[in-house]
Amino acid sequence: MPSEMNPGTQTTTGADAVDQAIATGIDFDGSAIPPAKLELYRQVMALEAGRQRSGVSNTMRSRIVRIGAKHIPQEELNQMLINANFAPLKDKEIAFYYGGK
């Protein structure tokens, strides 16, 4: 499957595209990411790296909901979660991810 490319050589699709752009300090349009933005991002990510995790299954569900809500209708995502033996969508998740749709 071909990846979308910007005028340079950065891939702009896929889960790692943003991380790669941040690592190089160059946005997809070829402009430099301001140092203050990069520093703040790195500070916050360092805090997150040190956070105790609650479990792989909880993290998987959170990622599925956060990303799935961008691509999958609410009822379909809810049924997919149930079919995979995850908890169904919570009211607060529905309000946050689907409230404006």
PDB file of N, CA and C in Angstrom:
ATOM      1  N   MET A   1       0.849  -1.173   0.000  1.00  0.00           N
ATOM      2  CA  MET A   1       0.000   0.000   0.000  1.00  0.00           C
ATOM      3  C   MET A   1       0.894   1.236   0.000  1.00  0.00           C
ATOM      4  N   PRO A   2       0.797   2.080  -1.000  1.00  0.00           N
ATOM      5  CA  PRO A   2       1.681   3.245  -1.069  1.00  0.00           C
ATOM      6  C   PRO A   2       1.352   4.268  -0.001  1.00  0.00           C
ATOM      7  N   SER A   3       2.380   4.948   0.481  1.00  0.00           N
ATOM      8  CA  SER A   3       2.204   5.998   1.478  1.00  0.00           C
ATOM      9  C   SER A   3       2.129   7.339   0.785  1.00  0.00           C
ATOM     10  N   GLU A   4       1.323   8.224   1.331  1.00  0.00           N
ATOM     11  CA  GLU A   4       1.241   9.584   0.849  1.00  0.00           C
ATOM     12  C   GLU A   4       2.528  10.300   1.230  1.00  0.00           C
ATOM     13  N   MET A   5       3.077  11.084   0.321  1.00  0.00           N
ATOM     14  CA  MET A   5       4.333  11.769   0.603  1.00  0.00           C
ATOM     15  C   MET A   5       4.144  13.267   0.435  1.00  0.00           C
ATOM     16  N   ASN A   6       4.912  14.031   1.196  1.00  0.00           N
ATOM     17  CA  ASN A   6       4.901  15.474   1.016  1.00  0.00           C
ATOM     18  C   ASN A   6       5.973  15.823  -0.017  1.00  0.00           C
ATOM     19  N   PRO A   7       6.139  17.090  -0.345  1.00  0.00           N
ATOM     20  CA  PRO A   7       7.143  17.453  -1.331  1.00  0.00           C
ATOM     21  C   PRO A   7       8.561  17.007  -0.959  1.00  0.00           C
ATOM     22  N   GLY A   8       8.842  16.822   0.327  1.00  0.00           N
ATOM     23  CA  GLY A   8      10.143  16.304   0.744  1.00  0.00           C
ATOM     24  C   GLY A   8      10.108  14.792   0.703  1.00  0.00           C
ATOM     25  N   THR A   9      10.599  14.162   1.755  1.00  0.00           N
ATOM     26  CA  THR A   9      10.609  12.704   1.775  1.00  0.00           C
ATOM     27  C   THR A   9       9.840  12.128   2.947  1.00  0.00           C
ATOM     28  N   GLN A  10       9.149  12.956   3.726  1.00  0.00           N
ATOM     29  CA  GLN A  10       8.405  12.470   4.885  1.00  0.00           C
ATOM     30  C   GLN A  10       7.130  11.771   4.474  1.00  0.00           C
ATOM     31  N   THR A  11       6.857  10.664   5.124  1.00  0.00           N
ATOM     32  CA  THR A  11       5.574  10.001   4.975  1.00  0.00           C
ATOM     33  C   THR A  11       4.563  10.760   5.809  1.00  0.00           C
ATOM     34  N   THR A  12       3.377  11.005   5.252  1.00  0.00           N
ATOM     35  CA  THR A  12       2.348  11.735   5.993  1.00  0.00           C
ATOM     36  C   THR A  12       1.185  10.839   6.389  1.00  0.00           C
ATOM     37  N   THR A  13       1.343   9.539   6.217  1.00  0.00           N
ATOM     38  CA  THR A  13       0.312   8.603   6.642  1.00  0.00           C
ATOM     39  C   THR A  13       0.924   7.578   7.579  1.00  0.00           C
ATOM     40  N   GLY A  14       0.069   6.934   8.329  1.00  0.00           N
ATOM     41  CA  GLY A  14       0.543   5.893   9.235  1.00  0.00           C
ATOM     42  C   GLY A  14       0.749   6.427  10.637  1.00  0.00           C
ATOM     43  N   ALA A  15       0.768   5.484  11.566  1.00  0.00           N
ATOM     44  CA  ALA A  15       0.843   5.827  12.985  1.00  0.00           C
ATOM     45  C   ALA A  15       2.141   6.527  13.368  1.00  0.00           C
ATOM     46  N   ASP A  16       3.215   6.286  12.663  1.00  0.00           N
ATOM     47  CA  ASP A  16       4.511   6.853  13.041  1.00  0.00           C
ATOM     48  C   ASP A  16       4.838   8.170  12.342  1.00  0.00           C
ATOM     49  N   ALA A  17       4.005   8.615  11.420  1.00  0.00           N
ATOM     50  CA  ALA A  17       4.329   9.802  10.632  1.00  0.00           C
ATOM     51  C   ALA A  17       4.545  11.043  11.484  1.00  0.00           C
ATOM     52  N   VAL A  18       3.670  11.273  12.451  1.00  0.00           N
ATOM     53  CA  VAL A  18       3.801  12.456  13.309  1.00  0.00           C
ATOM     54  C   VAL A  18       5.049  12.339  14.178  1.00  0.00           C
ATOM     55  N   ASP A  19       5.283  11.154  14.743  1.00  0.00           N
ATOM     56  CA  ASP A  19       6.480  10.959  15.570  1.00  0.00           C
ATOM     57  C   ASP A  19       7.756  11.212  14.771  1.00  0.00           C
ATOM     58  N   GLN A  20       7.772  10.769  13.529  1.00  0.00           N
ATOM     59  CA  GLN A  20       8.944  10.997  12.678  1.00  0.00           C
ATOM     60  C   GLN A  20       9.136  12.480  12.388  1.00  0.00           C
ATOM     61  N   ALA A  21       8.037  13.185  12.147  1.00  0.00           N
ATOM     62  CA  ALA A  21       8.129  14.624  11.894  1.00  0.00           C
ATOM     63  C   ALA A  21       8.636  15.359  13.130  1.00  0.00           C
ATOM     64  N   ILE A  22       8.139  14.970  14.291  1.00  0.00           N
ATOM     65  CA  ILE A  22       8.592  15.592  15.530  1.00  0.00           C
ATOM     66  C   ILE A  22      10.075  15.325  15.749  1.00  0.00           C
ATOM     67  N   ALA A  23      10.504  14.105  15.511  1.00  0.00           N
ATOM     68  CA  ALA A  23      11.913  13.746  15.702  1.00  0.00           C
ATOM     69  C   ALA A  23      12.837  14.566  14.799  1.00  0.00           C
ATOM     70  N   THR A  24      12.383  14.862  13.587  1.00  0.00           N
ATOM     71  CA  THR A  24      13.210  15.654  12.675  1.00  0.00           C
ATOM     72  C   THR A  24      13.024  17.149  12.889  1.00  0.00           C
ATOM     73  N   GLY A  25      11.915  17.531  13.575  1.00  0.00           N
ATOM     74  CA  GLY A  25      11.642  18.947  13.790  1.00  0.00           C
ATOM     75  C   GLY A  25      11.093  19.637  12.561  1.00  0.00           C
ATOM     76  N   ILE A  26      10.615  18.850  11.594  1.00  0.00           N
ATOM     77  CA  ILE A  26      10.094  19.405  10.347  1.00  0.00           C
ATOM     78  C   ILE A  26       8.646  18.974  10.165  1.00  0.00           C
ATOM     79  N   ASP A  27       7.750  19.952   9.965  1.00  0.00           N
ATOM     80  CA  ASP A  27       6.337  19.667   9.757  1.00  0.00           C
ATOM     81  C   ASP A  27       6.130  19.090   8.356  1.00  0.00           C
ATOM     82  N   PHE A  28       4.941  18.534   8.101  1.00  0.00           N
ATOM     83  CA  PHE A  28       4.654  17.912   6.814  1.00  0.00           C
ATOM     84  C   PHE A  28       4.746  18.883   5.645  1.00  0.00           C
ATOM     85  N   ASP A  29       4.529  20.169   5.901  1.00  0.00           N
ATOM     86  CA  ASP A  29       4.609  21.162   4.825  1.00  0.00           C
ATOM     87  C   ASP A  29       6.045  21.614   4.566  1.00  0.00           C
ATOM     88  N   GLY A  30       7.001  21.037   5.307  1.00  0.00           N
ATOM     89  CA  GLY A  30       8.411  21.376   5.113  1.00  0.00           C
ATOM     90  C   GLY A  30       8.917  22.472   6.024  1.00  0.00           C
ATOM     91  N   SER A  31       8.039  23.108   6.777  1.00  0.00           N
ATOM     92  CA  SER A  31       8.461  24.184   7.679  1.00  0.00           C
ATOM     93  C   SER A  31       9.012  23.596   8.979  1.00  0.00           C
ATOM     94  N   ALA A  32       9.889  24.361   9.608  1.00  0.00           N
ATOM     95  CA  ALA A  32      10.464  23.936  10.886  1.00  0.00           C
ATOM     96  C   ALA A  32       9.410  24.062  11.989  1.00  0.00           C
ATOM     97  N   ILE A  33       9.385  23.072  12.866  1.00  0.00           N
ATOM     98  CA  ILE A  33       8.521  23.159  14.038  1.00  0.00           C
ATOM     99  C   ILE A  33       9.248  24.058  15.041  1.00  0.00           C
ATOM    100  N   PRO A  34       8.588  25.093  15.565  1.00  0.00           N
ATOM    101  CA  PRO A  34       9.269  26.016  16.476  1.00  0.00           C
ATOM    102  C   PRO A  34       9.867  25.288  17.687  1.00  0.00           C
ATOM    103  N   PRO A  35      11.090  25.662  18.084  1.00  0.00           N
ATOM    104  CA  PRO A  35      11.757  25.008  19.215  1.00  0.00           C
ATOM    105  C   PRO A  35      10.931  25.003  20.500  1.00  0.00           C
ATOM    106  N   ALA A  36      10.191  26.063  20.778  1.00  0.00           N
ATOM    107  CA  ALA A  36       9.382  26.113  22.007  1.00  0.00           C
ATOM    108  C   ALA A  36       8.296  25.034  21.988  1.00  0.00           C
ATOM    109  N   LYS A  37       7.712  24.796  20.828  1.00  0.00           N
ATOM    110  CA  LYS A  37       6.698  23.745  20.715  1.00  0.00           C
ATOM    111  C   LYS A  37       7.327  22.368  20.906  1.00  0.00           C
ATOM    112  N   LEU A  38       8.475  22.165  20.297  1.00  0.00           N
ATOM    113  CA  LEU A  38       9.169  20.877  20.446  1.00  0.00           C
ATOM    114  C   LEU A  38       9.564  20.628  21.898  1.00  0.00           C
ATOM    115  N   GLU A  39      10.056  21.651  22.567  1.00  0.00           N
ATOM    116  CA  GLU A  39      10.485  21.501  23.959  1.00  0.00           C
ATOM    117  C   GLU A  39       9.309  21.179  24.868  1.00  0.00           C
ATOM    118  N   LEU A  40       8.203  21.887  24.695  1.00  0.00           N
ATOM    119  CA  LEU A  40       7.018  21.613  25.506  1.00  0.00           C
ATOM    120  C   LEU A  40       6.528  20.188  25.251  1.00  0.00           C
ATOM    121  N   TYR A  41       6.487  19.779  24.001  1.00  0.00           N
ATOM    122  CA  TYR A  41       6.060  18.422  23.664  1.00  0.00           C
ATOM    123  C   TYR A  41       6.963  17.399  24.354  1.00  0.00           C
ATOM    124  N   ARG A  42       8.247  17.600  24.280  1.00  0.00           N
ATOM    125  CA  ARG A  42       9.197  16.660  24.901  1.00  0.00           C
ATOM    126  C   ARG A  42       9.043  16.622  26.417  1.00  0.00           C
ATOM    127  N   GLN A  43       8.807  17.764  27.039  1.00  0.00           N
ATOM    128  CA  GLN A  43       8.600  17.803  28.491  1.00  0.00           C
ATOM    129  C   GLN A  43       7.373  16.994  28.895  1.00  0.00           C
ATOM    130  N   VAL A  44       6.277  17.193  28.177  1.00  0.00           N
ATOM    131  CA  VAL A  44       5.040  16.484  28.501  1.00  0.00           C
ATOM    132  C   VAL A  44       5.184  14.992  28.221  1.00  0.00           C
ATOM    133  N   MET A  45       5.832  14.630  27.128  1.00  0.00           N
ATOM    134  CA  MET A  45       6.019  13.212  26.808  1.00  0.00           C
ATOM    135  C   MET A  45       6.939  12.531  27.826  1.00  0.00           C
ATOM    136  N   ALA A  46       7.902  13.261  28.361  1.00  0.00           N
ATOM    137  CA  ALA A  46       8.768  12.693  29.408  1.00  0.00           C
ATOM    138  C   ALA A  46       7.957  12.403  30.665  1.00  0.00           C
ATOM    139  N   LEU A  47       7.022  13.283  31.006  1.00  0.00           N
ATOM    140  CA  LEU A  47       6.135  13.031  32.143  1.00  0.00           C
ATOM    141  C   LEU A  47       5.286  11.789  31.893  1.00  0.00           C
ATOM    142  N   GLU A  48       4.751  11.683  30.699  1.00  0.00           N
ATOM    143  CA  GLU A  48       3.906  10.539  30.348  1.00  0.00           C
ATOM    144  C   GLU A  48       4.707   9.236  30.378  1.00  0.00           C
ATOM    145  N   ALA A  49       5.952   9.292  29.957  1.00  0.00           N
ATOM    146  CA  ALA A  49       6.795   8.089  29.944  1.00  0.00           C
ATOM    147  C   ALA A  49       7.017   7.545  31.351  1.00  0.00           C
ATOM    148  N   GLY A  50       6.956   8.414  32.350  1.00  0.00           N
ATOM    149  CA  GLY A  50       7.175   7.986  33.722  1.00  0.00           C
ATOM    150  C   GLY A  50       5.917   7.591  34.471  1.00  0.00           C
ATOM    151  N   ARG A  51       4.760   7.677  33.795  1.00  0.00           N
ATOM    152  CA  ARG A  51       3.488   7.386  34.456  1.00  0.00           C
ATOM    153  C   ARG A  51       3.265   5.884  34.568  1.00  0.00           C
ATOM    154  N   GLN A  52       2.811   5.457  35.743  1.00  0.00           N
ATOM    155  CA  GLN A  52       2.461   4.055  35.967  1.00  0.00           C
ATOM    156  C   GLN A  52       1.256   3.700  35.105  1.00  0.00           C
ATOM    157  N   ARG A  53       1.296   2.567  34.461  1.00  0.00           N
ATOM    158  CA  ARG A  53       0.210   2.128  33.582  1.00  0.00           C
ATOM    159  C   ARG A  53      -0.789   1.261  34.342  1.00  0.00           C
ATOM    160  N   SER A  54      -2.040   1.291  33.892  1.00  0.00           N
ATOM    161  CA  SER A  54      -3.087   0.534  34.570  1.00  0.00           C
ATOM    162  C   SER A  54      -3.276  -0.855  33.981  1.00  0.00           C
ATOM    163  N   GLY A  55      -2.705  -1.122  32.853  1.00  0.00           N
ATOM    164  CA  GLY A  55      -2.833  -2.433  32.238  1.00  0.00           C
ATOM    165  C   GLY A  55      -2.948  -2.323  30.731  1.00  0.00           C
ATOM    166  N   VAL A  56      -2.493  -3.351  30.066  1.00  0.00           N
ATOM    167  CA  VAL A  56      -2.484  -3.343  28.606  1.00  0.00           C
ATOM    168  C   VAL A  56      -3.903  -3.327  28.044  1.00  0.00           C
ATOM    169  N   SER A  57      -4.786  -4.118  28.609  1.00  0.00           N
ATOM    170  CA  SER A  57      -6.155  -4.187  28.097  1.00  0.00           C
ATOM    171  C   SER A  57      -6.848  -2.828  28.195  1.00  0.00           C
ATOM    172  N   ASN A  58      -6.674  -2.126  29.312  1.00  0.00           N
ATOM    173  CA  ASN A  58      -7.264  -0.785  29.466  1.00  0.00           C
ATOM    174  C   ASN A  58      -6.702   0.185  28.437  1.00  0.00           C
ATOM    175  N   THR A  59      -5.397   0.104  28.211  1.00  0.00           N
ATOM    176  CA  THR A  59      -4.768   0.994  27.239  1.00  0.00           C
ATOM    177  C   THR A  59      -5.239   0.671  25.833  1.00  0.00           C
ATOM    178  N   MET A  60      -5.355  -0.619  25.520  1.00  0.00           N
ATOM    179  CA  MET A  60      -5.857  -1.008  24.200  1.00  0.00           C
ATOM    180  C   MET A  60      -7.259  -0.444  23.971  1.00  0.00           C
ATOM    181  N   ARG A  61      -8.132  -0.592  24.959  1.00  0.00           N
ATOM    182  CA  ARG A  61      -9.499  -0.104  24.817  1.00  0.00           C
ATOM    183  C   ARG A  61      -9.512   1.411  24.623  1.00  0.00           C
ATOM    184  N   SER A  62      -8.717   2.109  25.421  1.00  0.00           N
ATOM    185  CA  SER A  62      -8.656   3.565  25.298  1.00  0.00           C
ATOM    186  C   SER A  62      -8.223   3.992  23.902  1.00  0.00           C
ATOM    187  N   ARG A  63      -7.220   3.331  23.361  1.00  0.00           N
ATOM    188  CA  ARG A  63      -6.744   3.668  22.015  1.00  0.00           C
ATOM    189  C   ARG A  63      -7.790   3.326  20.961  1.00  0.00           C
ATOM    190  N   ILE A  64      -8.433   2.180  21.124  1.00  0.00           N
ATOM    191  CA  ILE A  64      -9.484   1.784  20.178  1.00  0.00           C
ATOM    192  C   ILE A  64     -10.586   2.832  20.153  1.00  0.00           C
ATOM    193  N   VAL A  65     -11.022   3.280  21.336  1.00  0.00           N
ATOM    194  CA  VAL A  65     -12.099   4.270  21.409  1.00  0.00           C
ATOM    195  C   VAL A  65     -11.635   5.607  20.837  1.00  0.00           C
ATOM    196  N   ARG A  66     -10.469   6.069  21.260  1.00  0.00           N
ATOM    197  CA  ARG A  66      -9.982   7.387  20.821  1.00  0.00           C
ATOM    198  C   ARG A  66      -9.795   7.443  19.311  1.00  0.00           C
ATOM    199  N   ILE A  67      -9.203   6.420  18.744  1.00  0.00           N
ATOM    200  CA  ILE A  67      -8.929   6.422  17.307  1.00  0.00           C
ATOM    201  C   ILE A  67     -10.143   5.936  16.523  1.00  0.00           C
ATOM    202  N   GLY A  68     -10.808   4.910  17.042  1.00  0.00           N
ATOM    203  CA  GLY A  68     -11.965   4.359  16.346  1.00  0.00           C
ATOM    204  C   GLY A  68     -13.075   5.367  16.170  1.00  0.00           C
ATOM    205  N   ALA A  69     -13.273   6.241  17.148  1.00  0.00           N
ATOM    206  CA  ALA A  69     -14.343   7.245  17.068  1.00  0.00           C
ATOM    207  C   ALA A  69     -14.152   8.191  15.891  1.00  0.00           C
ATOM    208  N   LYS A  70     -12.933   8.340  15.421  1.00  0.00           N
ATOM    209  CA  LYS A  70     -12.666   9.200  14.264  1.00  0.00           C
ATOM    210  C   LYS A  70     -13.114   8.549  12.960  1.00  0.00           C
ATOM    211  N   HIS A  71     -13.229   7.216  12.969  1.00  0.00           N
ATOM    212  CA  HIS A  71     -13.446   6.490  11.728  1.00  0.00           C
ATOM    213  C   HIS A  71     -14.695   5.617  11.699  1.00  0.00           C
ATOM    214  N   ILE A  72     -15.244   5.281  12.860  1.00  0.00           N
ATOM    215  CA  ILE A  72     -16.306   4.286  12.950  1.00  0.00           C
ATOM    216  C   ILE A  72     -17.527   4.904  13.628  1.00  0.00           C
ATOM    217  N   PRO A  73     -18.715   4.710  13.059  1.00  0.00           N
ATOM    218  CA  PRO A  73     -19.934   5.219  13.700  1.00  0.00           C
ATOM    219  C   PRO A  73     -20.098   4.648  15.117  1.00  0.00           C
ATOM    220  N   GLN A  74     -20.748   5.424  15.967  1.00  0.00           N
ATOM    221  CA  GLN A  74     -20.889   5.091  17.390  1.00  0.00           C
ATOM    222  C   GLN A  74     -21.446   3.693  17.632  1.00  0.00           C
ATOM    223  N   GLU A  75     -22.557   3.363  17.038  1.00  0.00           N
ATOM    224  CA  GLU A  75     -23.183   2.061  17.293  1.00  0.00           C
ATOM    225  C   GLU A  75     -22.298   0.919  16.823  1.00  0.00           C
ATOM    226  N   GLU A  76     -21.632   1.122  15.696  1.00  0.00           N
ATOM    227  CA  GLU A  76     -20.746   0.084  15.169  1.00  0.00           C
ATOM    228  C   GLU A  76     -19.534  -0.122  16.082  1.00  0.00           C
ATOM    229  N   LEU A  77     -18.930   0.972  16.524  1.00  0.00           N
ATOM    230  CA  LEU A  77     -17.789   0.859  17.436  1.00  0.00           C
ATOM    231  C   LEU A  77     -18.211   0.208  18.746  1.00  0.00           C
ATOM    232  N   ASN A  78     -19.349   0.607  19.267  1.00  0.00           N
ATOM    233  CA  ASN A  78     -19.851   0.033  20.507  1.00  0.00           C
ATOM    234  C   ASN A  78     -20.011  -1.482  20.362  1.00  0.00           C
ATOM    235  N   GLN A  79     -20.612  -1.925  19.266  1.00  0.00           N
ATOM    236  CA  GLN A  79     -20.806  -3.359  19.053  1.00  0.00           C
ATOM    237  C   GLN A  79     -19.472  -4.075  18.877  1.00  0.00           C
ATOM    238  N   MET A  80     -18.528  -3.438  18.212  1.00  0.00           N
ATOM    239  CA  MET A  80     -17.195  -4.036  18.037  1.00  0.00           C
ATOM    240  C   MET A  80     -16.513  -4.228  19.389  1.00  0.00           C
ATOM    241  N   LEU A  81     -16.641  -3.240  20.269  1.00  0.00           N
ATOM    242  CA  LEU A  81     -16.063  -3.357  21.614  1.00  0.00           C
ATOM    243  C   LEU A  81     -16.698  -4.531  22.362  1.00  0.00           C
ATOM    244  N   ILE A  82     -18.007  -4.609  22.329  1.00  0.00           N
ATOM    245  CA  ILE A  82     -18.715  -5.692  23.012  1.00  0.00           C
ATOM    246  C   ILE A  82     -18.309  -7.046  22.445  1.00  0.00           C
ATOM    247  N   ASN A  83     -18.247  -7.151  21.114  1.00  0.00           N
ATOM    248  CA  ASN A  83     -17.871  -8.412  20.469  1.00  0.00           C
ATOM    249  C   ASN A  83     -16.463  -8.866  20.848  1.00  0.00           C
ATOM    250  N   ALA A  84     -15.592  -7.903  21.146  1.00  0.00           N
ATOM    251  CA  ALA A  84     -14.208  -8.219  21.527  1.00  0.00           C
ATOM    252  C   ALA A  84     -14.049  -8.358  23.043  1.00  0.00           C
ATOM    253  N   ASN A  85     -15.168  -8.383  23.764  1.00  0.00           N
ATOM    254  CA  ASN A  85     -15.170  -8.515  25.227  1.00  0.00           C
ATOM    255  C   ASN A  85     -14.540  -7.339  25.961  1.00  0.00           C
ATOM    256  N   PHE A  86     -14.659  -6.152  25.348  1.00  0.00           N
ATOM    257  CA  PHE A  86     -14.313  -4.916  26.047  1.00  0.00           C
ATOM    258  C   PHE A  86     -15.610  -4.326  26.590  1.00  0.00           C
ATOM    259  N   ALA A  87     -15.494  -3.418  27.546  1.00  0.00           N
ATOM    260  CA  ALA A  87     -16.656  -2.687  28.039  1.00  0.00           C
ATOM    261  C   ALA A  87     -17.225  -1.838  26.904  1.00  0.00           C
ATOM    262  N   PRO A  88     -18.546  -1.695  26.848  1.00  0.00           N
ATOM    263  CA  PRO A  88     -19.137  -0.821  25.823  1.00  0.00           C
ATOM    264  C   PRO A  88     -18.747   0.635  26.061  1.00  0.00           C
ATOM    265  N   LEU A  89     -19.059   1.473  25.088  1.00  0.00           N
ATOM    266  CA  LEU A  89     -18.785   2.900  25.223  1.00  0.00           C
ATOM    267  C   LEU A  89     -19.487   3.457  26.453  1.00  0.00           C
ATOM    268  N   LYS A  90     -18.776   4.299  27.188  1.00  0.00           N
ATOM    269  CA  LYS A  90     -19.337   4.958  28.374  1.00  0.00           C
ATOM    270  C   LYS A  90     -20.036   6.240  27.928  1.00  0.00           C
ATOM    271  N   ASP A  91     -20.988   6.697  28.718  1.00  0.00           N
ATOM    272  CA  ASP A  91     -21.722   7.926  28.383  1.00  0.00           C
ATOM    273  C   ASP A  91     -20.773   9.098  28.150  1.00  0.00           C
ATOM    274  N   LYS A  92     -19.737   9.216  28.987  1.00  0.00           N
ATOM    275  CA  LYS A  92     -18.809  10.344  28.833  1.00  0.00           C
ATOM    276  C   LYS A  92     -17.992  10.227  27.546  1.00  0.00           C
ATOM    277  N   GLU A  93     -17.692   8.998  27.096  1.00  0.00           N
ATOM    278  CA  GLU A  93     -16.977   8.811  25.825  1.00  0.00           C
ATOM    279  C   GLU A  93     -17.888   9.173  24.659  1.00  0.00           C
ATOM    280  N   ILE A  94     -19.133   8.750  24.729  1.00  0.00           N
ATOM    281  CA  ILE A  94     -20.098   9.083  23.674  1.00  0.00           C
ATOM    282  C   ILE A  94     -20.249  10.597  23.573  1.00  0.00           C
ATOM    283  N   ALA A  95     -20.417  11.258  24.708  1.00  0.00           N
ATOM    284  CA  ALA A  95     -20.564  12.717  24.715  1.00  0.00           C
ATOM    285  C   ALA A  95     -19.317  13.405  24.138  1.00  0.00           C
ATOM    286  N   PHE A  96     -18.149  12.930  24.540  1.00  0.00           N
ATOM    287  CA  PHE A  96     -16.911  13.574  24.092  1.00  0.00           C
ATOM    288  C   PHE A  96     -16.633  13.314  22.609  1.00  0.00           C
ATOM    289  N   TYR A  97     -16.696  12.069  22.189  1.00  0.00           N
ATOM    290  CA  TYR A  97     -16.299  11.716  20.832  1.00  0.00           C
ATOM    291  C   TYR A  97     -17.418  11.858  19.804  1.00  0.00           C
ATOM    292  N   TYR A  98     -18.664  11.684  20.239  1.00  0.00           N
ATOM    293  CA  TYR A  98     -19.766  11.706  19.289  1.00  0.00           C
ATOM    294  C   TYR A  98     -20.777  12.815  19.547  1.00  0.00           C
ATOM    295  N   GLY A  99     -20.601  13.595  20.590  1.00  0.00           N
ATOM    296  CA  GLY A  99     -21.576  14.611  20.980  1.00  0.00           C
ATOM    297  C   GLY A  99     -21.901  15.622  19.898  1.00  0.00           C
ATOM    298  N   GLY A 100     -20.913  16.029  19.114  1.00  0.00           N
ATOM    299  CA  GLY A 100     -21.126  17.048  18.090  1.00  0.00           C
ATOM    300  C   GLY A 100     -21.469  16.476  16.733  1.00  0.00           C
ATOM    301  N   LYS A 101     -21.637  15.162  16.638  1.00  0.00           N
ATOM    302  CA  LYS A 101     -21.881  14.564  15.312  1.00  0.00           C
ATOM    303  C   LYS A 101     -23.331  14.310  15.069  1.00  0.00           C
TER     304      LYS A 101
END
